């Protein structure tokens, strides 16, 4: 497999995502959460972003990072389920 070079913008965003995740390390995490629950959280953040004033830079940065994190959580859970399914077969 060809090694992927990570763009600096992606790396910077990933760092912001990780900071937001670490700020919630007191919570149990997403690995056992139902996909529907994570999806609902994702949609609620997107809806909130849609009504947030674009001049509120801080709110937009937090919301877009939260949206990315919820998408990552869903992706991670789906990929984990695929790996578990494949290991059983």
PDB file of N, CA and C in Angstrom:
ATOM      1  N   UNK A   1       0.842  -1.178   0.000  1.00  0.00           N
ATOM      2  CA  UNK A   1       0.000   0.000   0.000  1.00  0.00           C
ATOM      3  C   UNK A   1       0.889   1.244   0.000  1.00  0.00           C
ATOM      4  N   UNK A   2       0.523   2.188  -0.834  1.00  0.00           N
ATOM      5  CA  UNK A   2       1.270   3.433  -0.935  1.00  0.00           C
ATOM      6  C   UNK A   2       1.086   4.258   0.343  1.00  0.00           C
ATOM      7  N   UNK A   3       2.191   4.793   0.847  1.00  0.00           N
ATOM      8  CA  UNK A   3       2.115   5.625   2.044  1.00  0.00           C
ATOM      9  C   UNK A   3       1.395   6.930   1.705  1.00  0.00           C
ATOM     10  N   UNK A   4       0.503   7.329   2.575  1.00  0.00           N
ATOM     11  CA  UNK A   4      -0.283   8.537   2.364  1.00  0.00           C
ATOM     12  C   UNK A   4       0.422   9.709   3.034  1.00  0.00           C
ATOM     13  N   UNK A   5       0.626  10.751   2.260  1.00  0.00           N
ATOM     14  CA  UNK A   5       1.182  11.974   2.826  1.00  0.00           C
ATOM     15  C   UNK A   5       0.020  12.830   3.313  1.00  0.00           C
ATOM     16  N   UNK A   6       0.055  13.175   4.583  1.00  0.00           N
ATOM     17  CA  UNK A   6      -1.051  13.926   5.175  1.00  0.00           C
ATOM     18  C   UNK A   6      -0.820  15.418   4.977  1.00  0.00           C
ATOM     19  N   UNK A   7      -1.811  16.064   4.391  1.00  0.00           N
ATOM     20  CA  UNK A   7      -1.739  17.509   4.172  1.00  0.00           C
ATOM     21  C   UNK A   7      -1.662  18.232   5.516  1.00  0.00           C
ATOM     22  N   UNK A   8      -0.974  19.351   5.533  1.00  0.00           N
ATOM     23  CA  UNK A   8      -0.829  20.115   6.774  1.00  0.00           C
ATOM     24  C   UNK A   8      -2.186  20.588   7.291  1.00  0.00           C
ATOM     25  N   UNK A   9      -3.114  20.889   6.387  1.00  0.00           N
ATOM     26  CA  UNK A   9      -4.452  21.321   6.809  1.00  0.00           C
ATOM     27  C   UNK A   9      -5.200  20.188   7.514  1.00  0.00           C
ATOM     28  N   UNK A  10      -5.043  18.979   6.990  1.00  0.00           N
ATOM     29  CA  UNK A  10      -5.701  17.819   7.598  1.00  0.00           C
ATOM     30  C   UNK A  10      -5.077  17.529   8.960  1.00  0.00           C
ATOM     31  N   UNK A  11      -3.773  17.600   9.030  1.00  0.00           N
ATOM     32  CA  UNK A  11      -3.085  17.364  10.295  1.00  0.00           C
ATOM     33  C   UNK A  11      -3.492  18.402  11.341  1.00  0.00           C
ATOM     34  N   UNK A  12      -3.559  19.655  10.938  1.00  0.00           N
ATOM     35  CA  UNK A  12      -3.966  20.710  11.866  1.00  0.00           C
ATOM     36  C   UNK A  12      -5.387  20.506  12.364  1.00  0.00           C
ATOM     37  N   UNK A  13      -6.273  20.095  11.462  1.00  0.00           N
ATOM     38  CA  UNK A  13      -7.657  19.841  11.848  1.00  0.00           C
ATOM     39  C   UNK A  13      -7.736  18.626  12.767  1.00  0.00           C
ATOM     40  N   UNK A  14      -6.973  17.596  12.457  1.00  0.00           N
ATOM     41  CA  UNK A  14      -6.947  16.401  13.308  1.00  0.00           C
ATOM     42  C   UNK A  14      -6.469  16.754  14.718  1.00  0.00           C
ATOM     43  N   UNK A  15      -5.527  17.651  14.810  1.00  0.00           N
ATOM     44  CA  UNK A  15      -5.053  18.088  16.130  1.00  0.00           C
ATOM     45  C   UNK A  15      -6.168  18.802  16.892  1.00  0.00           C
ATOM     46  N   UNK A  16      -6.939  19.629  16.201  1.00  0.00           N
ATOM     47  CA  UNK A  16      -8.070  20.299  16.850  1.00  0.00           C
ATOM     48  C   UNK A  16      -9.127  19.284  17.276  1.00  0.00           C
ATOM     49  N   UNK A  17      -9.357  18.285  16.434  1.00  0.00           N
ATOM     50  CA  UNK A  17     -10.302  17.225  16.790  1.00  0.00           C
ATOM     51  C   UNK A  17      -9.846  16.510  18.054  1.00  0.00           C
ATOM     52  N   UNK A  18      -8.574  16.175  18.108  1.00  0.00           N
ATOM     53  CA  UNK A  18      -8.045  15.462  19.276  1.00  0.00           C
ATOM     54  C   UNK A  18      -8.141  16.320  20.533  1.00  0.00           C
ATOM     55  N   UNK A  19      -7.879  17.604  20.417  1.00  0.00           N
ATOM     56  CA  UNK A  19      -8.007  18.494  21.580  1.00  0.00           C
ATOM     57  C   UNK A  19      -9.436  18.489  22.113  1.00  0.00           C
ATOM     58  N   UNK A  20     -10.417  18.537  21.199  1.00  0.00           N
ATOM     59  CA  UNK A  20     -11.823  18.500  21.629  1.00  0.00           C
ATOM     60  C   UNK A  20     -12.143  17.160  22.285  1.00  0.00           C
ATOM     61  N   UNK A  21     -11.641  16.073  21.716  1.00  0.00           N
ATOM     62  CA  UNK A  21     -11.871  14.758  22.314  1.00  0.00           C
ATOM     63  C   UNK A  21     -11.249  14.687  23.705  1.00  0.00           C
ATOM     64  N   UNK A  22     -10.027  15.174  23.842  1.00  0.00           N
ATOM     65  CA  UNK A  22      -9.356  15.131  25.138  1.00  0.00           C
ATOM     66  C   UNK A  22     -10.071  15.986  26.179  1.00  0.00           C
ATOM     67  N   UNK A  23     -10.731  17.042  25.732  1.00  0.00           N
ATOM     68  CA  UNK A  23     -11.459  17.885  26.689  1.00  0.00           C
ATOM     69  C   UNK A  23     -12.669  17.154  27.271  1.00  0.00           C
ATOM     70  N   UNK A  24     -13.015  16.020  26.669  1.00  0.00           N
ATOM     71  CA  UNK A  24     -14.141  15.215  27.153  1.00  0.00           C
ATOM     72  C   UNK A  24     -13.681  13.830  27.619  1.00  0.00           C
ATOM     73  N   UNK A  25     -12.434  13.721  28.006  1.00  0.00           N
ATOM     74  CA  UNK A  25     -11.913  12.423  28.440  1.00  0.00           C
ATOM     75  C   UNK A  25     -12.577  11.898  29.710  1.00  0.00           C
ATOM     76  N   UNK A  26     -13.348  12.736  30.376  1.00  0.00           N
ATOM     77  CA  UNK A  26     -14.075  12.285  31.559  1.00  0.00           C
ATOM     78  C   UNK A  26     -15.310  11.465  31.186  1.00  0.00           C
ATOM     79  N   UNK A  27     -15.636  11.435  29.909  1.00  0.00           N
ATOM     80  CA  UNK A  27     -16.802  10.689  29.417  1.00  0.00           C
ATOM     81  C   UNK A  27     -16.364   9.302  28.948  1.00  0.00           C
ATOM     82  N   UNK A  28     -17.317   8.373  28.872  1.00  0.00           N
ATOM     83  CA  UNK A  28     -16.946   6.988  28.536  1.00  0.00           C
ATOM     84  C   UNK A  28     -16.497   6.749  27.092  1.00  0.00           C
ATOM     85  N   UNK A  29     -16.744   7.652  26.186  1.00  0.00           N
ATOM     86  CA  UNK A  29     -16.307   7.447  24.807  1.00  0.00           C
ATOM     87  C   UNK A  29     -17.431   7.001  23.898  1.00  0.00           C
ATOM     88  N   UNK A  30     -17.082   6.692  22.664  1.00  0.00           N
ATOM     89  CA  UNK A  30     -18.078   6.414  21.630  1.00  0.00           C
ATOM     90  C   UNK A  30     -18.151   4.955  21.218  1.00  0.00           C
ATOM     91  N   UNK A  31     -17.205   4.152  21.626  1.00  0.00           N
ATOM     92  CA  UNK A  31     -17.092   2.801  21.072  1.00  0.00           C
ATOM     93  C   UNK A  31     -18.279   1.903  21.387  1.00  0.00           C
ATOM     94  N   UNK A  32     -19.003   2.202  22.444  1.00  0.00           N
ATOM     95  CA  UNK A  32     -20.167   1.380  22.795  1.00  0.00           C
ATOM     96  C   UNK A  32     -21.483   2.113  22.552  1.00  0.00           C
ATOM     97  N   UNK A  33     -21.394   3.306  21.980  1.00  0.00           N
ATOM     98  CA  UNK A  33     -22.610   4.079  21.712  1.00  0.00           C
ATOM     99  C   UNK A  33     -23.293   3.569  20.443  1.00  0.00           C
ATOM    100  N   UNK A  34     -24.617   3.528  20.442  1.00  0.00           N
ATOM    101  CA  UNK A  34     -25.335   3.125  19.224  1.00  0.00           C
ATOM    102  C   UNK A  34     -25.091   4.132  18.097  1.00  0.00           C
ATOM    103  N   UNK A  35     -25.002   3.619  16.890  1.00  0.00           N
ATOM    104  CA  UNK A  35     -24.783   4.496  15.736  1.00  0.00           C
ATOM    105  C   UNK A  35     -25.873   5.554  15.622  1.00  0.00           C
ATOM    106  N   UNK A  36     -27.105   5.181  15.907  1.00  0.00           N
ATOM    107  CA  UNK A  36     -28.217   6.135  15.795  1.00  0.00           C
ATOM    108  C   UNK A  36     -28.024   7.316  16.748  1.00  0.00           C
ATOM    109  N   UNK A  37     -27.507   7.050  17.933  1.00  0.00           N
ATOM    110  CA  UNK A  37     -27.261   8.115  18.904  1.00  0.00           C
ATOM    111  C   UNK A  37     -26.171   9.064  18.392  1.00  0.00           C
ATOM    112  N   UNK A  38     -25.080   8.501  17.896  1.00  0.00           N
ATOM    113  CA  UNK A  38     -24.000   9.333  17.362  1.00  0.00           C
ATOM    114  C   UNK A  38     -24.471  10.124  16.143  1.00  0.00           C
ATOM    115  N   UNK A  39     -25.282   9.488  15.311  1.00  0.00           N
ATOM    116  CA  UNK A  39     -25.825  10.170  14.136  1.00  0.00           C
ATOM    117  C   UNK A  39     -26.700  11.349  14.566  1.00  0.00           C
ATOM    118  N   UNK A  40     -27.536  11.136  15.565  1.00  0.00           N
ATOM    119  CA  UNK A  40     -28.391  12.221  16.058  1.00  0.00           C
ATOM    120  C   UNK A  40     -27.556  13.384  16.593  1.00  0.00           C
ATOM    121  N   UNK A  41     -26.467  13.071  17.287  1.00  0.00           N
ATOM    122  CA  UNK A  41     -25.582  14.130  17.774  1.00  0.00           C
ATOM    123  C   UNK A  41     -24.936  14.877  16.610  1.00  0.00           C
ATOM    124  N   UNK A  42     -24.516  14.136  15.603  1.00  0.00           N
ATOM    125  CA  UNK A  42     -23.924  14.746  14.409  1.00  0.00           C
ATOM    126  C   UNK A  42     -24.918  15.699  13.744  1.00  0.00           C
ATOM    127  N   UNK A  43     -26.122  15.236  13.536  1.00  0.00           N
ATOM    128  CA  UNK A  43     -27.149  16.054  12.886  1.00  0.00           C
ATOM    129  C   UNK A  43     -27.462  17.288  13.724  1.00  0.00           C
ATOM    130  N   UNK A  44     -27.524  17.129  15.036  1.00  0.00           N
ATOM    131  CA  UNK A  44     -27.832  18.283  15.888  1.00  0.00           C
ATOM    132  C   UNK A  44     -26.741  19.347  15.796  1.00  0.00           C
ATOM    133  N   UNK A  45     -25.491  18.920  15.678  1.00  0.00           N
ATOM    134  CA  UNK A  45     -24.392  19.888  15.532  1.00  0.00           C
ATOM    135  C   UNK A  45     -24.455  20.584  14.175  1.00  0.00           C
ATOM    136  N   UNK A  46     -24.803  19.835  13.131  1.00  0.00           N
ATOM    137  CA  UNK A  46     -24.938  20.440  11.800  1.00  0.00           C
ATOM    138  C   UNK A  46     -26.073  21.464  11.812  1.00  0.00           C
ATOM    139  N   UNK A  47     -27.179  21.097  12.434  1.00  0.00           N
ATOM    140  CA  UNK A  47     -28.307  22.032  12.519  1.00  0.00           C
ATOM    141  C   UNK A  47     -27.925  23.283  13.306  1.00  0.00           C
ATOM    142  N   UNK A  48     -27.198  23.096  14.389  1.00  0.00           N
ATOM    143  CA  UNK A  48     -26.762  24.242  15.192  1.00  0.00           C
ATOM    144  C   UNK A  48     -25.819  25.133  14.388  1.00  0.00           C
ATOM    145  N   UNK A  49     -24.944  24.522  13.618  1.00  0.00           N
ATOM    146  CA  UNK A  49     -24.035  25.297  12.769  1.00  0.00           C
ATOM    147  C   UNK A  49     -24.826  26.142  11.778  1.00  0.00           C
ATOM    148  N   UNK A  50     -25.903  25.583  11.273  1.00  0.00           N
ATOM    149  CA  UNK A  50     -26.721  26.284  10.289  1.00  0.00           C
ATOM    150  C   UNK A  50     -27.383  27.543  10.808  1.00  0.00           C
ATOM    151  N   UNK A  51     -27.549  27.649  12.111  1.00  0.00           N
ATOM    152  CA  UNK A  51     -28.197  28.837  12.681  1.00  0.00           C
ATOM    153  C   UNK A  51     -27.230  29.699  13.492  1.00  0.00           C
ATOM    154  N   UNK A  52     -25.959  29.351  13.445  1.00  0.00           N
ATOM    155  CA  UNK A  52     -24.952  30.113  14.187  1.00  0.00           C
ATOM    156  C   UNK A  52     -24.420  31.236  13.307  1.00  0.00           C
ATOM    157  N   UNK A  53     -24.321  32.403  13.877  1.00  0.00           N
ATOM    158  CA  UNK A  53     -23.823  33.574  13.155  1.00  0.00           C
ATOM    159  C   UNK A  53     -22.389  33.328  12.694  1.00  0.00           C
ATOM    160  N   UNK A  54     -22.140  33.555  11.415  1.00  0.00           N
ATOM    161  CA  UNK A  54     -20.806  33.314  10.865  1.00  0.00           C
ATOM    162  C   UNK A  54     -19.741  34.211  11.485  1.00  0.00           C
ATOM    163  N   UNK A  55     -20.151  35.285  12.107  1.00  0.00           N
ATOM    164  CA  UNK A  55     -19.161  36.154  12.753  1.00  0.00           C
ATOM    165  C   UNK A  55     -18.664  35.558  14.070  1.00  0.00           C
ATOM    166  N   UNK A  56     -19.347  34.526  14.566  1.00  0.00           N
ATOM    167  CA  UNK A  56     -18.934  33.876  15.810  1.00  0.00           C
ATOM    168  C   UNK A  56     -17.906  32.792  15.482  1.00  0.00           C
ATOM    169  N   UNK A  57     -16.690  33.228  15.294  1.00  0.00           N
ATOM    170  CA  UNK A  57     -15.599  32.349  14.862  1.00  0.00           C
ATOM    171  C   UNK A  57     -15.397  31.172  15.814  1.00  0.00           C
ATOM    172  N   UNK A  58     -15.383  31.450  17.106  1.00  0.00           N
ATOM    173  CA  UNK A  58     -15.140  30.400  18.100  1.00  0.00           C
ATOM    174  C   UNK A  58     -16.213  29.316  18.041  1.00  0.00           C
ATOM    175  N   UNK A  59     -17.458  29.723  17.931  1.00  0.00           N
ATOM    176  CA  UNK A  59     -18.551  28.748  17.848  1.00  0.00           C
ATOM    177  C   UNK A  59     -18.419  27.901  16.589  1.00  0.00           C
ATOM    178  N   UNK A  60     -18.065  28.530  15.479  1.00  0.00           N
ATOM    179  CA  UNK A  60     -17.910  27.777  14.232  1.00  0.00           C
ATOM    180  C   UNK A  60     -16.756  26.787  14.309  1.00  0.00           C
ATOM    181  N   UNK A  61     -15.669  27.194  14.914  1.00  0.00           N
ATOM    182  CA  UNK A  61     -14.537  26.276  15.048  1.00  0.00           C
ATOM    183  C   UNK A  61     -14.914  25.072  15.908  1.00  0.00           C
ATOM    184  N   UNK A  62     -15.596  25.312  17.018  1.00  0.00           N
ATOM    185  CA  UNK A  62     -16.009  24.205  17.889  1.00  0.00           C
ATOM    186  C   UNK A  62     -17.016  23.298  17.184  1.00  0.00           C
ATOM    187  N   UNK A  63     -18.001  23.904  16.540  1.00  0.00           N
ATOM    188  CA  UNK A  63     -19.037  23.099  15.889  1.00  0.00           C
ATOM    189  C   UNK A  63     -18.479  22.271  14.739  1.00  0.00           C
ATOM    190  N   UNK A  64     -17.652  22.869  13.902  1.00  0.00           N
ATOM    191  CA  UNK A  64     -17.106  22.096  12.782  1.00  0.00           C
ATOM    192  C   UNK A  64     -16.198  20.976  13.283  1.00  0.00           C
ATOM    193  N   UNK A  65     -15.496  21.226  14.368  1.00  0.00           N
ATOM    194  CA  UNK A  65     -14.661  20.178  14.952  1.00  0.00           C
ATOM    195  C   UNK A  65     -15.527  19.080  15.558  1.00  0.00           C
ATOM    196  N   UNK A  66     -16.589  19.459  16.246  1.00  0.00           N
ATOM    197  CA  UNK A  66     -17.505  18.457  16.805  1.00  0.00           C
ATOM    198  C   UNK A  66     -18.141  17.621  15.698  1.00  0.00           C
ATOM    199  N   UNK A  67     -18.538  18.269  14.616  1.00  0.00           N
ATOM    200  CA  UNK A  67     -19.136  17.552  13.481  1.00  0.00           C
ATOM    201  C   UNK A  67     -18.154  16.512  12.945  1.00  0.00           C
ATOM    202  N   UNK A  68     -16.918  16.930  12.768  1.00  0.00           N
ATOM    203  CA  UNK A  68     -15.898  15.996  12.274  1.00  0.00           C
ATOM    204  C   UNK A  68     -15.688  14.848  13.258  1.00  0.00           C
ATOM    205  N   UNK A  69     -15.689  15.153  14.542  1.00  0.00           N
ATOM    206  CA  UNK A  69     -15.489  14.101  15.540  1.00  0.00           C
ATOM    207  C   UNK A  69     -16.640  13.099  15.541  1.00  0.00           C
ATOM    208  N   UNK A  70     -17.872  13.577  15.441  1.00  0.00           N
ATOM    209  CA  UNK A  70     -18.990  12.631  15.410  1.00  0.00           C
ATOM    210  C   UNK A  70     -18.955  11.784  14.145  1.00  0.00           C
ATOM    211  N   UNK A  71     -18.557  12.376  13.029  1.00  0.00           N
ATOM    212  CA  UNK A  71     -18.405  11.598  11.793  1.00  0.00           C
ATOM    213  C   UNK A  71     -17.304  10.557  11.963  1.00  0.00           C
ATOM    214  N   UNK A  72     -16.204  10.943  12.595  1.00  0.00           N
ATOM    215  CA  UNK A  72     -15.104  10.002  12.845  1.00  0.00           C
ATOM    216  C   UNK A  72     -15.567   8.862  13.744  1.00  0.00           C
ATOM    217  N   UNK A  73     -16.346   9.193  14.777  1.00  0.00           N
ATOM    218  CA  UNK A  73     -16.836   8.162  15.700  1.00  0.00           C
ATOM    219  C   UNK A  73     -17.706   7.142  14.969  1.00  0.00           C
ATOM    220  N   UNK A  74     -18.601   7.638  14.128  1.00  0.00           N
ATOM    221  CA  UNK A  74     -19.442   6.730  13.338  1.00  0.00           C
ATOM    222  C   UNK A  74     -18.588   5.856  12.426  1.00  0.00           C
ATOM    223  N   UNK A  75     -17.624   6.471  11.761  1.00  0.00           N
ATOM    224  CA  UNK A  75     -16.733   5.737  10.865  1.00  0.00           C
ATOM    225  C   UNK A  75     -15.938   4.692  11.639  1.00  0.00           C
ATOM    226  N   UNK A  76     -15.421   5.073  12.781  1.00  0.00           N
ATOM    227  CA  UNK A  76     -14.633   4.155  13.605  1.00  0.00           C
ATOM    228  C   UNK A  76     -15.474   2.963  14.051  1.00  0.00           C
ATOM    229  N   UNK A  77     -16.691   3.231  14.504  1.00  0.00           N
ATOM    230  CA  UNK A  77     -17.562   2.139  14.942  1.00  0.00           C
ATOM    231  C   UNK A  77     -17.909   1.203  13.787  1.00  0.00           C
ATOM    232  N   UNK A  78     -18.188   1.772  12.611  1.00  0.00           N
ATOM    233  CA  UNK A  78     -18.518   0.933  11.452  1.00  0.00           C
ATOM    234  C   UNK A  78     -17.329   0.073  11.039  1.00  0.00           C
ATOM    235  N   UNK A  79     -16.149   0.675  11.018  1.00  0.00           N
ATOM    236  CA  UNK A  79     -14.955  -0.075  10.622  1.00  0.00           C
ATOM    237  C   UNK A  79     -14.640  -1.169  11.641  1.00  0.00           C
ATOM    238  N   UNK A  80     -14.846  -0.879  12.925  1.00  0.00           N
ATOM    239  CA  UNK A  80     -14.607  -1.879  13.961  1.00  0.00           C
ATOM    240  C   UNK A  80     -15.564  -3.053  13.789  1.00  0.00           C
ATOM    241  N   UNK A  81     -16.838  -2.750  13.524  1.00  0.00           N
ATOM    242  CA  UNK A  81     -17.827  -3.813  13.314  1.00  0.00           C
ATOM    243  C   UNK A  81     -17.463  -4.662  12.100  1.00  0.00           C
ATOM    244  N   UNK A  82     -16.973  -4.024  11.043  1.00  0.00           N
ATOM    245  CA  UNK A  82     -16.536  -4.770   9.854  1.00  0.00           C
ATOM    246  C   UNK A  82     -15.381  -5.705  10.198  1.00  0.00           C
ATOM    247  N   UNK A  83     -14.401  -5.192  10.937  1.00  0.00           N
ATOM    248  CA  UNK A  83     -13.247  -6.024  11.314  1.00  0.00           C
ATOM    249  C   UNK A  83     -13.690  -7.193  12.184  1.00  0.00           C
ATOM    250  N   UNK A  84     -14.595  -6.932  13.127  1.00  0.00           N
ATOM    251  CA  UNK A  84     -15.090  -8.002  13.993  1.00  0.00           C
ATOM    252  C   UNK A  84     -15.841  -9.050  13.178  1.00  0.00           C
ATOM    253  N   UNK A  85     -16.635  -8.596  12.225  1.00  0.00           N
ATOM    254  CA  UNK A  85     -17.382  -9.515  11.364  1.00  0.00           C
ATOM    255  C   UNK A  85     -16.422 -10.358  10.519  1.00  0.00           C
ATOM    256  N   UNK A  86     -15.406  -9.708   9.960  1.00  0.00           N
ATOM    257  CA  UNK A  86     -14.437 -10.421   9.127  1.00  0.00           C
ATOM    258  C   UNK A  86     -13.631 -11.425   9.937  1.00  0.00           C
ATOM    259  N   UNK A  87     -13.330 -11.099  11.186  1.00  0.00           N
ATOM    260  CA  UNK A  87     -12.529 -12.014  12.006  1.00  0.00           C
ATOM    261  C   UNK A  87     -13.333 -13.248  12.424  1.00  0.00           C
ATOM    262  N   UNK A  88     -14.660 -13.141  12.415  1.00  0.00           N
ATOM    263  CA  UNK A  88     -15.513 -14.285  12.750  1.00  0.00           C
ATOM    264  C   UNK A  88     -15.657 -15.245  11.574  1.00  0.00           C
ATOM    265  N   UNK A  89     -15.447 -14.739  10.375  1.00  0.00           N
ATOM    266  CA  UNK A  89     -15.642 -15.571   9.170  1.00  0.00           C
ATOM    267  C   UNK A  89     -14.370 -16.231   8.723  1.00  0.00           C
TER     268      UNK A  89
END
